[in-house]
Amino acid sequence: MALTTKEVEHLAKLARLELTPAEVEQYAAQLGEVLAYVAKLQTIKGQAESSNPEGVNLRERFGRTLKN
C-alpha cells in the first residue's frame, strides 16, 4: 500500500512536522512498507486466534497467575 506525497504532507501537517521534499519522498516509501506489513499481519490474525486448538486453559496448566 503506497502513500502519495500529498498524503505524507497531510500527515506531516497534522503532526506539525516540517519535512523537506526529499523527506516526504522517503517517508512515503517507508510508510507504505509499514502499512503493507500491517496488512499482512491482519491476514494472519485469524490463525493466531485458533492457535490453541485443544482448548487448553494455560492458567490451569501452569497453576499460577502472574502479577503485574
C-alpha atoms as a PDB file:
ATOM      1  CA  MET A   1       0.000   0.000   0.000  1.00  0.00           C
ATOM      2  CA  ALA A   2       1.783   3.081  -1.221  1.00  0.00           C
ATOM      3  CA  LEU A   3       1.234   6.539   0.160  1.00  0.00           C
ATOM      4  CA  THR A   4       1.227   9.561  -2.057  1.00  0.00           C
ATOM      5  CA  THR A   5       3.399  12.553  -1.298  1.00  0.00           C
ATOM      6  CA  LYS A   6       0.217  14.542  -0.735  1.00  0.00           C
ATOM      7  CA  GLU A   7      -0.880  12.077   1.974  1.00  0.00           C
ATOM      8  CA  VAL A   8       2.527  12.261   3.645  1.00  0.00           C
ATOM      9  CA  GLU A   9       2.422  16.055   3.552  1.00  0.00           C
ATOM     10  CA  HIS A  10      -1.030  15.943   5.149  1.00  0.00           C
ATOM     11  CA  LEU A  11       0.194  13.593   7.902  1.00  0.00           C
ATOM     12  CA  ALA A  12       3.207  15.837   8.484  1.00  0.00           C
ATOM     13  CA  LYS A  13       0.922  18.842   8.819  1.00  0.00           C
ATOM     14  CA  LEU A  14      -1.268  17.008  11.347  1.00  0.00           C
ATOM     15  CA  ALA A  15       1.842  16.052  13.317  1.00  0.00           C
ATOM     16  CA  ARG A  16       3.205  19.591  12.987  1.00  0.00           C
ATOM     17  CA  LEU A  17       6.340  18.364  11.235  1.00  0.00           C
ATOM     18  CA  GLU A  18       8.268  20.363   8.702  1.00  0.00           C
ATOM     19  CA  LEU A  19       9.598  17.959   6.078  1.00  0.00           C
ATOM     20  CA  THR A  20      11.813  18.621   3.101  1.00  0.00           C
ATOM     21  CA  PRO A  21      10.669  17.296  -0.292  1.00  0.00           C
ATOM     22  CA  ALA A  22      13.312  14.557  -0.018  1.00  0.00           C
ATOM     23  CA  GLU A  23      11.974  13.525   3.393  1.00  0.00           C
ATOM     24  CA  VAL A  24       8.421  13.436   2.039  1.00  0.00           C
ATOM     25  CA  GLU A  25       9.520  11.029  -0.705  1.00  0.00           C
ATOM     26  CA  GLN A  26      11.479   8.921   1.769  1.00  0.00           C
ATOM     27  CA  TYR A  27       8.629   8.713   4.271  1.00  0.00           C
ATOM     28  CA  ALA A  28       6.114   7.897   1.539  1.00  0.00           C
ATOM     29  CA  ALA A  29       8.123   4.792   0.660  1.00  0.00           C
ATOM     30  CA  GLN A  30       8.818   3.804   4.270  1.00  0.00           C
ATOM     31  CA  LEU A  31       5.262   4.305   5.497  1.00  0.00           C
ATOM     32  CA  GLY A  32       3.989   2.340   2.514  1.00  0.00           C
ATOM     33  CA  GLU A  33       6.167  -0.596   3.565  1.00  0.00           C
ATOM     34  CA  VAL A  34       4.918  -0.344   7.155  1.00  0.00           C
ATOM     35  CA  LEU A  35       1.284  -0.307   6.033  1.00  0.00           C
ATOM     36  CA  ALA A  36       1.877  -3.310   3.767  1.00  0.00           C
ATOM     37  CA  TYR A  37       3.380  -5.206   6.703  1.00  0.00           C
ATOM     38  CA  VAL A  38       0.434  -4.319   8.954  1.00  0.00           C
ATOM     39  CA  ALA A  39      -1.954  -5.543   6.258  1.00  0.00           C
ATOM     40  CA  LYS A  40      -0.012  -8.813   6.133  1.00  0.00           C
ATOM     41  CA  LEU A  41      -0.273  -9.159   9.922  1.00  0.00           C
ATOM     42  CA  GLN A  42      -4.017  -8.613   9.769  1.00  0.00           C
ATOM     43  CA  THR A  43      -4.396 -11.573   7.408  1.00  0.00           C
ATOM     44  CA  ILE A  44      -2.830 -13.934   9.942  1.00  0.00           C
ATOM     45  CA  LYS A  45      -4.867 -12.638  12.885  1.00  0.00           C
ATOM     46  CA  GLY A  46      -7.479 -15.344  12.420  1.00  0.00           C
ATOM     47  CA  GLN A  47      -4.811 -18.028  12.504  1.00  0.00           C
ATOM     48  CA  ALA A  48      -3.491 -16.758  15.838  1.00  0.00           C
ATOM     49  CA  GLU A  49      -6.935 -16.961  17.411  1.00  0.00           C
ATOM     50  CA  SER A  50      -7.108 -20.677  16.654  1.00  0.00           C
ATOM     51  CA  SER A  51      -3.546 -21.465  17.738  1.00  0.00           C
ATOM     52  CA  ASN A  52      -4.817 -23.323  20.820  1.00  0.00           C
ATOM     53  CA  PRO A  53      -6.983 -25.977  19.117  1.00  0.00           C
ATOM     54  CA  GLU A  54      -7.132 -28.296  22.112  1.00  0.00           C
ATOM     55  CA  GLY A  55      -8.707 -25.627  24.275  1.00  0.00           C
ATOM     56  CA  VAL A  56      -6.046 -25.960  26.959  1.00  0.00           C
ATOM     57  CA  ASN A  57      -6.522 -23.458  29.744  1.00  0.00           C
ATOM     58  CA  LEU A  58      -2.978 -22.206  30.223  1.00  0.00           C
ATOM     59  CA  ARG A  59      -3.758 -20.767  33.647  1.00  0.00           C
ATOM     60  CA  GLU A  60      -4.773 -24.207  34.909  1.00  0.00           C
ATOM     61  CA  ARG A  61      -1.880 -25.844  33.130  1.00  0.00           C
ATOM     62  CA  PHE A  62       0.781 -23.691  34.776  1.00  0.00           C
ATOM     63  CA  GLY A  63      -1.035 -23.384  38.089  1.00  0.00           C
ATOM     64  CA  ARG A  64      -0.379 -19.741  38.926  1.00  0.00           C
ATOM     65  CA  THR A  65      -1.282 -16.236  37.897  1.00  0.00           C
ATOM     66  CA  LEU A  66       1.366 -13.689  37.054  1.00  0.00           C
ATOM     67  CA  LYS A  67       1.196 -10.356  38.854  1.00  0.00           C
ATOM     68  CA  ASN A  68       1.840  -7.038  37.115  1.00  0.00           C
END
